[in-house]
ModelCIF file with pLDDT and N, C-alpha, C, O atoms, coordinates in Angstrom:
data_MODEL
#
_entry.id   MODEL 
#
_entity.id                         1 
_entity.type                       polymer 
_entity.pdbx_number_of_molecules   1 
#
_entity_poly.entity_id                      1 
_entity_poly.type                           'polypeptide(L)' 
_entity_poly.nstd_linkage                   no 
_entity_poly.nstd_monomer                   no 
_entity_poly.pdbx_seq_one_letter_code       
;(UNK)(UNK)(UNK)(UNK)(UNK)(UNK)(UNK)(UNK)(UNK)(UNK)(UNK)(UNK)(UNK)(UNK)(UNK)(UNK)
(UNK)(UNK)(UNK)(UNK)(UNK)(UNK)(UNK)(UNK)(UNK)(UNK)(UNK)(UNK)(UNK)(UNK)(UNK)(UNK)
(UNK)(UNK)(UNK)(UNK)
;
_entity_poly.pdbx_seq_one_letter_code_can   XXXXXXXXXXXXXXXXXXXXXXXXXXXXXXXXXXXX 
_entity_poly.pdbx_strand_id                 A 
#
loop_
_entity_poly_seq.entity_id 
_entity_poly_seq.num 
_entity_poly_seq.mon_id 
_entity_poly_seq.hetero 
1 1  UNK n 
1 2  UNK n 
1 3  UNK n 
1 4  UNK n 
1 5  UNK n 
1 6  UNK n 
1 7  UNK n 
1 8  UNK n 
1 9  UNK n 
1 10 UNK n 
1 11 UNK n 
1 12 UNK n 
1 13 UNK n 
1 14 UNK n 
1 15 UNK n 
1 16 UNK n 
1 17 UNK n 
1 18 UNK n 
1 19 UNK n 
1 20 UNK n 
1 21 UNK n 
1 22 UNK n 
1 23 UNK n 
1 24 UNK n 
1 25 UNK n 
1 26 UNK n 
1 27 UNK n 
1 28 UNK n 
1 29 UNK n 
1 30 UNK n 
1 31 UNK n 
1 32 UNK n 
1 33 UNK n 
1 34 UNK n 
1 35 UNK n 
1 36 UNK n 
#
_struct_asym.id          A 
_struct_asym.entity_id   1 
#
loop_
_ma_qa_metric.id 
_ma_qa_metric.mode 
_ma_qa_metric.name 
_ma_qa_metric.software_group_id 
_ma_qa_metric.type 
1 global pLDDT . pLDDT 
2 local  pLDDT . pLDDT 
#
_ma_qa_metric_global.metric_id      1 
_ma_qa_metric_global.metric_value   95.64 
_ma_qa_metric_global.model_id       1 
_ma_qa_metric_global.ordinal_id     1 
#
loop_
_ma_qa_metric_local.label_asym_id 
_ma_qa_metric_local.label_comp_id 
_ma_qa_metric_local.label_seq_id 
_ma_qa_metric_local.metric_id 
_ma_qa_metric_local.metric_value 
_ma_qa_metric_local.model_id 
_ma_qa_metric_local.ordinal_id 
A UNK 1  2 96.00 1 1  
A UNK 2  2 96.00 1 2  
A UNK 3  2 96.00 1 3  
A UNK 4  2 95.00 1 4  
A UNK 5  2 94.00 1 5  
A UNK 6  2 96.00 1 6  
A UNK 7  2 95.00 1 7  
A UNK 8  2 95.00 1 8  
A UNK 9  2 96.00 1 9  
A UNK 10 2 97.00 1 10 
A UNK 11 2 95.00 1 11 
A UNK 12 2 96.00 1 12 
A UNK 13 2 94.00 1 13 
A UNK 14 2 97.00 1 14 
A UNK 15 2 98.00 1 15 
A UNK 16 2 98.00 1 16 
A UNK 17 2 98.00 1 17 
A UNK 18 2 98.00 1 18 
A UNK 19 2 98.00 1 19 
A UNK 20 2 98.00 1 20 
A UNK 21 2 95.00 1 21 
A UNK 22 2 93.00 1 22 
A UNK 23 2 96.00 1 23 
A UNK 24 2 96.00 1 24 
A UNK 25 2 94.00 1 25 
A UNK 26 2 91.00 1 26 
A UNK 27 2 94.00 1 27 
A UNK 28 2 89.00 1 28 
A UNK 29 2 91.00 1 29 
A UNK 30 2 94.00 1 30 
A UNK 31 2 96.00 1 31 
A UNK 32 2 97.00 1 32 
A UNK 33 2 98.00 1 33 
A UNK 34 2 98.00 1 34 
A UNK 35 2 98.00 1 35 
A UNK 36 2 97.00 1 36 
#
loop_
_atom_site.group_PDB 
_atom_site.id 
_atom_site.type_symbol 
_atom_site.label_atom_id 
_atom_site.label_alt_id 
_atom_site.label_comp_id 
_atom_site.label_asym_id 
_atom_site.label_entity_id 
_atom_site.label_seq_id 
_atom_site.pdbx_PDB_ins_code 
_atom_site.Cartn_x 
_atom_site.Cartn_y 
_atom_site.Cartn_z 
_atom_site.occupancy 
_atom_site.B_iso_or_equiv 
_atom_site.pdbx_formal_charge 
_atom_site.auth_seq_id 
_atom_site.auth_comp_id 
_atom_site.auth_asym_id 
_atom_site.auth_atom_id 
_atom_site.pdbx_PDB_model_num 
ATOM 1   N N  . UNK A 1 1  ? -161.639 126.773 18.200 1.00 96.00 ? 1  UNK A N  1 
ATOM 2   C CA . UNK A 1 1  ? -160.981 125.766 19.173 1.00 96.00 ? 1  UNK A CA 1 
ATOM 3   C C  . UNK A 1 1  ? -160.573 124.469 18.514 1.00 96.00 ? 1  UNK A C  1 
ATOM 4   O O  . UNK A 1 1  ? -159.873 123.649 19.108 1.00 96.00 ? 1  UNK A O  1 
ATOM 5   N N  . UNK A 1 2  ? -161.015 124.287 17.281 1.00 96.00 ? 2  UNK A N  1 
ATOM 6   C CA . UNK A 1 2  ? -160.591 123.110 16.576 1.00 96.00 ? 2  UNK A CA 1 
ATOM 7   C C  . UNK A 1 2  ? -159.392 123.360 15.604 1.00 96.00 ? 2  UNK A C  1 
ATOM 8   O O  . UNK A 1 2  ? -158.987 122.479 14.846 1.00 96.00 ? 2  UNK A O  1 
ATOM 9   N N  . UNK A 1 3  ? -158.850 124.603 15.667 1.00 96.00 ? 3  UNK A N  1 
ATOM 10  C CA . UNK A 1 3  ? -157.687 124.875 14.801 1.00 96.00 ? 3  UNK A CA 1 
ATOM 11  C C  . UNK A 1 3  ? -156.542 124.003 15.288 1.00 96.00 ? 3  UNK A C  1 
ATOM 12  O O  . UNK A 1 3  ? -156.297 123.861 16.486 1.00 96.00 ? 3  UNK A O  1 
ATOM 13  N N  . UNK A 1 4  ? -155.818 123.400 14.269 1.00 95.00 ? 4  UNK A N  1 
ATOM 14  C CA . UNK A 1 4  ? -154.658 122.566 14.725 1.00 95.00 ? 4  UNK A CA 1 
ATOM 15  C C  . UNK A 1 4  ? -153.680 123.274 15.645 1.00 95.00 ? 4  UNK A C  1 
ATOM 16  O O  . UNK A 1 4  ? -153.119 122.612 16.519 1.00 95.00 ? 4  UNK A O  1 
ATOM 17  N N  . UNK A 1 5  ? -153.445 124.520 15.518 1.00 94.00 ? 5  UNK A N  1 
ATOM 18  C CA . UNK A 1 5  ? -152.524 125.178 16.421 1.00 94.00 ? 5  UNK A CA 1 
ATOM 19  C C  . UNK A 1 5  ? -153.015 125.179 17.867 1.00 94.00 ? 5  UNK A C  1 
ATOM 20  O O  . UNK A 1 5  ? -152.259 124.998 18.821 1.00 94.00 ? 5  UNK A O  1 
ATOM 21  N N  . UNK A 1 6  ? -154.328 125.395 17.970 1.00 96.00 ? 6  UNK A N  1 
ATOM 22  C CA . UNK A 1 6  ? -154.904 125.400 19.330 1.00 96.00 ? 6  UNK A CA 1 
ATOM 23  C C  . UNK A 1 6  ? -154.915 123.956 19.928 1.00 96.00 ? 6  UNK A C  1 
ATOM 24  O O  . UNK A 1 6  ? -154.699 123.759 21.124 1.00 96.00 ? 6  UNK A O  1 
ATOM 25  N N  . UNK A 1 7  ? -155.173 122.978 19.054 1.00 95.00 ? 7  UNK A N  1 
ATOM 26  C CA . UNK A 1 7  ? -155.201 121.592 19.515 1.00 95.00 ? 7  UNK A CA 1 
ATOM 27  C C  . UNK A 1 7  ? -153.848 121.123 20.064 1.00 95.00 ? 7  UNK A C  1 
ATOM 28  O O  . UNK A 1 7  ? -153.790 120.202 20.879 1.00 95.00 ? 7  UNK A O  1 
ATOM 29  N N  . UNK A 1 8  ? -152.750 121.768 19.608 1.00 95.00 ? 8  UNK A N  1 
ATOM 30  C CA . UNK A 1 8  ? -151.440 121.412 20.189 1.00 95.00 ? 8  UNK A CA 1 
ATOM 31  C C  . UNK A 1 8  ? -151.374 121.839 21.658 1.00 95.00 ? 8  UNK A C  1 
ATOM 32  O O  . UNK A 1 8  ? -150.620 121.279 22.453 1.00 95.00 ? 8  UNK A O  1 
ATOM 33  N N  . UNK A 1 9  ? -152.174 122.834 21.990 1.00 96.00 ? 9  UNK A N  1 
ATOM 34  C CA . UNK A 1 9  ? -152.183 123.409 23.385 1.00 96.00 ? 9  UNK A CA 1 
ATOM 35  C C  . UNK A 1 9  ? -153.123 122.549 24.215 1.00 96.00 ? 9  UNK A C  1 
ATOM 36  O O  . UNK A 1 9  ? -152.804 122.228 25.360 1.00 96.00 ? 9  UNK A O  1 
ATOM 37  N N  . UNK A 1 10 ? -154.247 122.175 23.681 1.00 97.00 ? 10 UNK A N  1 
ATOM 38  C CA . UNK A 1 10 ? -155.332 121.457 24.434 1.00 97.00 ? 10 UNK A CA 1 
ATOM 39  C C  . UNK A 1 10 ? -156.017 120.542 23.503 1.00 97.00 ? 10 UNK A C  1 
ATOM 40  O O  . UNK A 1 10 ? -156.827 120.979 22.685 1.00 97.00 ? 10 UNK A O  1 
ATOM 41  N N  . UNK A 1 11 ? -155.716 119.245 23.596 1.00 95.00 ? 11 UNK A N  1 
ATOM 42  C CA . UNK A 1 11 ? -156.399 118.261 22.684 1.00 95.00 ? 11 UNK A CA 1 
ATOM 43  C C  . UNK A 1 11 ? -157.869 118.131 22.940 1.00 95.00 ? 11 UNK A C  1 
ATOM 44  O O  . UNK A 1 11 ? -158.597 117.577 22.116 1.00 95.00 ? 11 UNK A O  1 
ATOM 45  N N  . UNK A 1 12 ? -158.335 118.642 24.098 1.00 96.00 ? 12 UNK A N  1 
ATOM 46  C CA . UNK A 1 12 ? -159.730 118.664 24.411 1.00 96.00 ? 12 UNK A CA 1 
ATOM 47  C C  . UNK A 1 12 ? -160.496 119.796 23.782 1.00 96.00 ? 12 UNK A C  1 
ATOM 48  O O  . UNK A 1 12 ? -161.699 119.931 24.006 1.00 96.00 ? 12 UNK A O  1 
ATOM 49  N N  . UNK A 1 13 ? -159.819 120.621 22.993 1.00 94.00 ? 13 UNK A N  1 
ATOM 50  C CA . UNK A 1 13 ? -160.367 121.725 22.275 1.00 94.00 ? 13 UNK A CA 1 
ATOM 51  C C  . UNK A 1 13 ? -161.289 122.608 23.073 1.00 94.00 ? 13 UNK A C  1 
ATOM 52  O O  . UNK A 1 13 ? -162.366 122.959 22.592 1.00 94.00 ? 13 UNK A O  1 
ATOM 53  N N  . UNK A 1 14 ? -160.883 122.999 24.339 1.00 97.00 ? 14 UNK A N  1 
ATOM 54  C CA . UNK A 1 14 ? -161.643 123.821 25.156 1.00 97.00 ? 14 UNK A CA 1 
ATOM 55  C C  . UNK A 1 14 ? -160.801 124.972 25.669 1.00 97.00 ? 14 UNK A C  1 
ATOM 56  O O  . UNK A 1 14 ? -159.608 124.830 25.939 1.00 97.00 ? 14 UNK A O  1 
ATOM 57  N N  . UNK A 1 15 ? -161.469 126.137 25.799 1.00 98.00 ? 15 UNK A N  1 
ATOM 58  C CA . UNK A 1 15 ? -160.826 127.310 26.445 1.00 98.00 ? 15 UNK A CA 1 
ATOM 59  C C  . UNK A 1 15 ? -161.276 127.300 27.892 1.00 98.00 ? 15 UNK A C  1 
ATOM 60  O O  . UNK A 1 15 ? -162.336 126.751 28.194 1.00 98.00 ? 15 UNK A O  1 
ATOM 61  N N  . UNK A 1 16 ? -160.499 127.893 28.806 1.00 98.00 ? 16 UNK A N  1 
ATOM 62  C CA . UNK A 1 16 ? -159.251 128.651 28.593 1.00 98.00 ? 16 UNK A CA 1 
ATOM 63  C C  . UNK A 1 16 ? -158.037 127.775 28.601 1.00 98.00 ? 16 UNK A C  1 
ATOM 64  O O  . UNK A 1 16 ? -158.098 126.630 29.050 1.00 98.00 ? 16 UNK A O  1 
ATOM 65  N N  . UNK A 1 17 ? -156.939 128.284 28.114 1.00 98.00 ? 17 UNK A N  1 
ATOM 66  C CA . UNK A 1 17 ? -155.644 127.682 28.238 1.00 98.00 ? 17 UNK A CA 1 
ATOM 67  C C  . UNK A 1 17 ? -154.644 128.825 28.552 1.00 98.00 ? 17 UNK A C  1 
ATOM 68  O O  . UNK A 1 17 ? -154.776 129.929 28.024 1.00 98.00 ? 17 UNK A O  1 
ATOM 69  N N  . UNK A 1 18 ? -153.681 128.554 29.386 1.00 98.00 ? 18 UNK A N  1 
ATOM 70  C CA . UNK A 1 18 ? -152.614 129.532 29.564 1.00 98.00 ? 18 UNK A CA 1 
ATOM 71  C C  . UNK A 1 18 ? -151.321 128.977 29.153 1.00 98.00 ? 18 UNK A C  1 
ATOM 72  O O  . UNK A 1 18 ? -151.122 127.764 29.223 1.00 98.00 ? 18 UNK A O  1 
ATOM 73  N N  . UNK A 1 19 ? -150.384 129.838 28.707 1.00 98.00 ? 19 UNK A N  1 
ATOM 74  C CA . UNK A 1 19 ? -149.013 129.520 28.483 1.00 98.00 ? 19 UNK A CA 1 
ATOM 75  C C  . UNK A 1 19 ? -148.208 130.456 29.381 1.00 98.00 ? 19 UNK A C  1 
ATOM 76  O O  . UNK A 1 19 ? -148.417 131.668 29.319 1.00 98.00 ? 19 UNK A O  1 
ATOM 77  N N  . UNK A 1 20 ? -147.332 129.967 30.181 1.00 98.00 ? 20 UNK A N  1 
ATOM 78  C CA . UNK A 1 20 ? -146.556 130.752 31.176 1.00 98.00 ? 20 UNK A CA 1 
ATOM 79  C C  . UNK A 1 20 ? -145.127 130.522 30.959 1.00 98.00 ? 20 UNK A C  1 
ATOM 80  O O  . UNK A 1 20 ? -144.632 129.428 31.232 1.00 98.00 ? 20 UNK A O  1 
ATOM 81  N N  . UNK A 1 21 ? -144.409 131.525 30.467 1.00 95.00 ? 21 UNK A N  1 
ATOM 82  C CA . UNK A 1 21 ? -143.007 131.367 30.144 1.00 95.00 ? 21 UNK A CA 1 
ATOM 83  C C  . UNK A 1 21 ? -142.094 131.266 31.469 1.00 95.00 ? 21 UNK A C  1 
ATOM 84  O O  . UNK A 1 21 ? -140.903 130.962 31.397 1.00 95.00 ? 21 UNK A O  1 
ATOM 85  N N  . UNK A 1 22 ? -142.720 131.533 32.631 1.00 93.00 ? 22 UNK A N  1 
ATOM 86  C CA . UNK A 1 22 ? -142.060 131.366 33.859 1.00 93.00 ? 22 UNK A CA 1 
ATOM 87  C C  . UNK A 1 22 ? -142.607 130.232 34.725 1.00 93.00 ? 22 UNK A C  1 
ATOM 88  O O  . UNK A 1 22 ? -142.359 130.142 35.928 1.00 93.00 ? 22 UNK A O  1 
ATOM 89  N N  . UNK A 1 23 ? -143.369 129.369 34.040 1.00 96.00 ? 23 UNK A N  1 
ATOM 90  C CA . UNK A 1 23 ? -143.993 128.247 34.764 1.00 96.00 ? 23 UNK A CA 1 
ATOM 91  C C  . UNK A 1 23 ? -142.974 127.110 34.905 1.00 96.00 ? 23 UNK A C  1 
ATOM 92  O O  . UNK A 1 23 ? -141.876 127.138 34.350 1.00 96.00 ? 23 UNK A O  1 
ATOM 93  N N  . UNK A 1 24 ? -143.417 126.084 35.702 1.00 96.00 ? 24 UNK A N  1 
ATOM 94  C CA . UNK A 1 24 ? -142.508 124.931 35.926 1.00 96.00 ? 24 UNK A CA 1 
ATOM 95  C C  . UNK A 1 24 ? -142.115 124.170 34.643 1.00 96.00 ? 24 UNK A C  1 
ATOM 96  O O  . UNK A 1 24 ? -142.986 123.781 33.864 1.00 96.00 ? 24 UNK A O  1 
ATOM 97  N N  . UNK A 1 25 ? -140.906 123.975 34.442 1.00 94.00 ? 25 UNK A N  1 
ATOM 98  C CA . UNK A 1 25 ? -140.374 123.266 33.323 1.00 94.00 ? 25 UNK A CA 1 
ATOM 99  C C  . UNK A 1 25 ? -140.309 124.090 32.017 1.00 94.00 ? 25 UNK A C  1 
ATOM 100 O O  . UNK A 1 25 ? -139.960 123.581 30.952 1.00 94.00 ? 25 UNK A O  1 
ATOM 101 N N  . UNK A 1 26 ? -140.661 125.384 32.149 1.00 91.00 ? 26 UNK A N  1 
ATOM 102 C CA . UNK A 1 26 ? -140.694 126.253 30.920 1.00 91.00 ? 26 UNK A CA 1 
ATOM 103 C C  . UNK A 1 26 ? -139.261 126.472 30.376 1.00 91.00 ? 26 UNK A C  1 
ATOM 104 O O  . UNK A 1 26 ? -138.295 126.540 31.137 1.00 91.00 ? 26 UNK A O  1 
ATOM 105 N N  . UNK A 1 27 ? -139.164 126.575 29.106 1.00 94.00 ? 27 UNK A N  1 
ATOM 106 C CA . UNK A 1 27 ? -137.861 126.864 28.487 1.00 94.00 ? 27 UNK A CA 1 
ATOM 107 C C  . UNK A 1 27 ? -138.096 128.064 27.506 1.00 94.00 ? 27 UNK A C  1 
ATOM 108 O O  . UNK A 1 27 ? -139.226 128.526 27.352 1.00 94.00 ? 27 UNK A O  1 
ATOM 109 N N  . UNK A 1 28 ? -137.066 128.527 26.886 1.00 89.00 ? 28 UNK A N  1 
ATOM 110 C CA . UNK A 1 28 ? -137.146 129.598 25.947 1.00 89.00 ? 28 UNK A CA 1 
ATOM 111 C C  . UNK A 1 28 ? -138.047 129.206 24.782 1.00 89.00 ? 28 UNK A C  1 
ATOM 112 O O  . UNK A 1 28 ? -138.782 130.037 24.248 1.00 89.00 ? 28 UNK A O  1 
ATOM 113 N N  . UNK A 1 29 ? -137.982 127.904 24.382 1.00 91.00 ? 29 UNK A N  1 
ATOM 114 C CA . UNK A 1 29 ? -138.689 127.348 23.249 1.00 91.00 ? 29 UNK A CA 1 
ATOM 115 C C  . UNK A 1 29 ? -140.061 126.914 23.631 1.00 91.00 ? 29 UNK A C  1 
ATOM 116 O O  . UNK A 1 29 ? -140.951 126.950 22.782 1.00 91.00 ? 29 UNK A O  1 
ATOM 117 N N  . UNK A 1 30 ? -140.313 126.487 24.899 1.00 94.00 ? 30 UNK A N  1 
ATOM 118 C CA . UNK A 1 30 ? -141.578 125.834 25.292 1.00 94.00 ? 30 UNK A CA 1 
ATOM 119 C C  . UNK A 1 30 ? -142.004 126.410 26.586 1.00 94.00 ? 30 UNK A C  1 
ATOM 120 O O  . UNK A 1 30 ? -141.364 126.130 27.599 1.00 94.00 ? 30 UNK A O  1 
ATOM 121 N N  . UNK A 1 31 ? -143.063 127.216 26.637 1.00 96.00 ? 31 UNK A N  1 
ATOM 122 C CA . UNK A 1 31 ? -143.578 127.632 27.901 1.00 96.00 ? 31 UNK A CA 1 
ATOM 123 C C  . UNK A 1 31 ? -144.382 126.553 28.610 1.00 96.00 ? 31 UNK A C  1 
ATOM 124 O O  . UNK A 1 31 ? -144.723 125.545 27.992 1.00 96.00 ? 31 UNK A O  1 
ATOM 125 N N  . UNK A 1 32 ? -144.692 126.733 29.875 1.00 97.00 ? 32 UNK A N  1 
ATOM 126 C CA . UNK A 1 32 ? -145.590 125.841 30.603 1.00 97.00 ? 32 UNK A CA 1 
ATOM 127 C C  . UNK A 1 32 ? -146.995 126.060 30.079 1.00 97.00 ? 32 UNK A C  1 
ATOM 128 O O  . UNK A 1 32 ? -147.448 127.196 29.944 1.00 97.00 ? 32 UNK A O  1 
ATOM 129 N N  . UNK A 1 33 ? -147.701 124.938 29.776 1.00 98.00 ? 33 UNK A N  1 
ATOM 130 C CA . UNK A 1 33 ? -149.047 125.032 29.232 1.00 98.00 ? 33 UNK A CA 1 
ATOM 131 C C  . UNK A 1 33 ? -149.986 124.303 30.147 1.00 98.00 ? 33 UNK A C  1 
ATOM 132 O O  . UNK A 1 33 ? -149.714 123.186 30.586 1.00 98.00 ? 33 UNK A O  1 
ATOM 133 N N  . UNK A 1 34 ? -151.138 124.970 30.442 1.00 98.00 ? 34 UNK A N  1 
ATOM 134 C CA . UNK A 1 34 ? -152.074 124.398 31.307 1.00 98.00 ? 34 UNK A CA 1 
ATOM 135 C C  . UNK A 1 34 ? -153.515 124.776 30.854 1.00 98.00 ? 34 UNK A C  1 
ATOM 136 O O  . UNK A 1 34 ? -153.819 125.924 30.528 1.00 98.00 ? 34 UNK A O  1 
ATOM 137 N N  . UNK A 1 35 ? -154.386 123.713 30.858 1.00 98.00 ? 35 UNK A N  1 
ATOM 138 C CA . UNK A 1 35 ? -155.817 123.925 30.474 1.00 98.00 ? 35 UNK A CA 1 
ATOM 139 C C  . UNK A 1 35 ? -156.641 123.543 31.677 1.00 98.00 ? 35 UNK A C  1 
ATOM 140 O O  . UNK A 1 35 ? -156.096 123.185 32.722 1.00 98.00 ? 35 UNK A O  1 
ATOM 141 N N  . UNK A 1 36 ? -157.971 123.616 31.538 1.00 97.00 ? 36 UNK A N  1 
ATOM 142 C CA . UNK A 1 36 ? -158.942 123.410 32.599 1.00 97.00 ? 36 UNK A CA 1 
ATOM 143 C C  . UNK A 1 36 ? -158.972 124.572 33.598 1.00 97.00 ? 36 UNK A C  1 
ATOM 144 O O  . UNK A 1 36 ? -159.746 124.544 34.555 1.00 97.00 ? 36 UNK A O  1 
#
């Protein structure tokens, strides 16, 4: 959870995290990311 790639998703270094490519504001390059 302290891996730099994971910290880009959640700076609080906690699971779970989801990435949703159909979420609000999602683009081809950047999915919607949500933690907690």
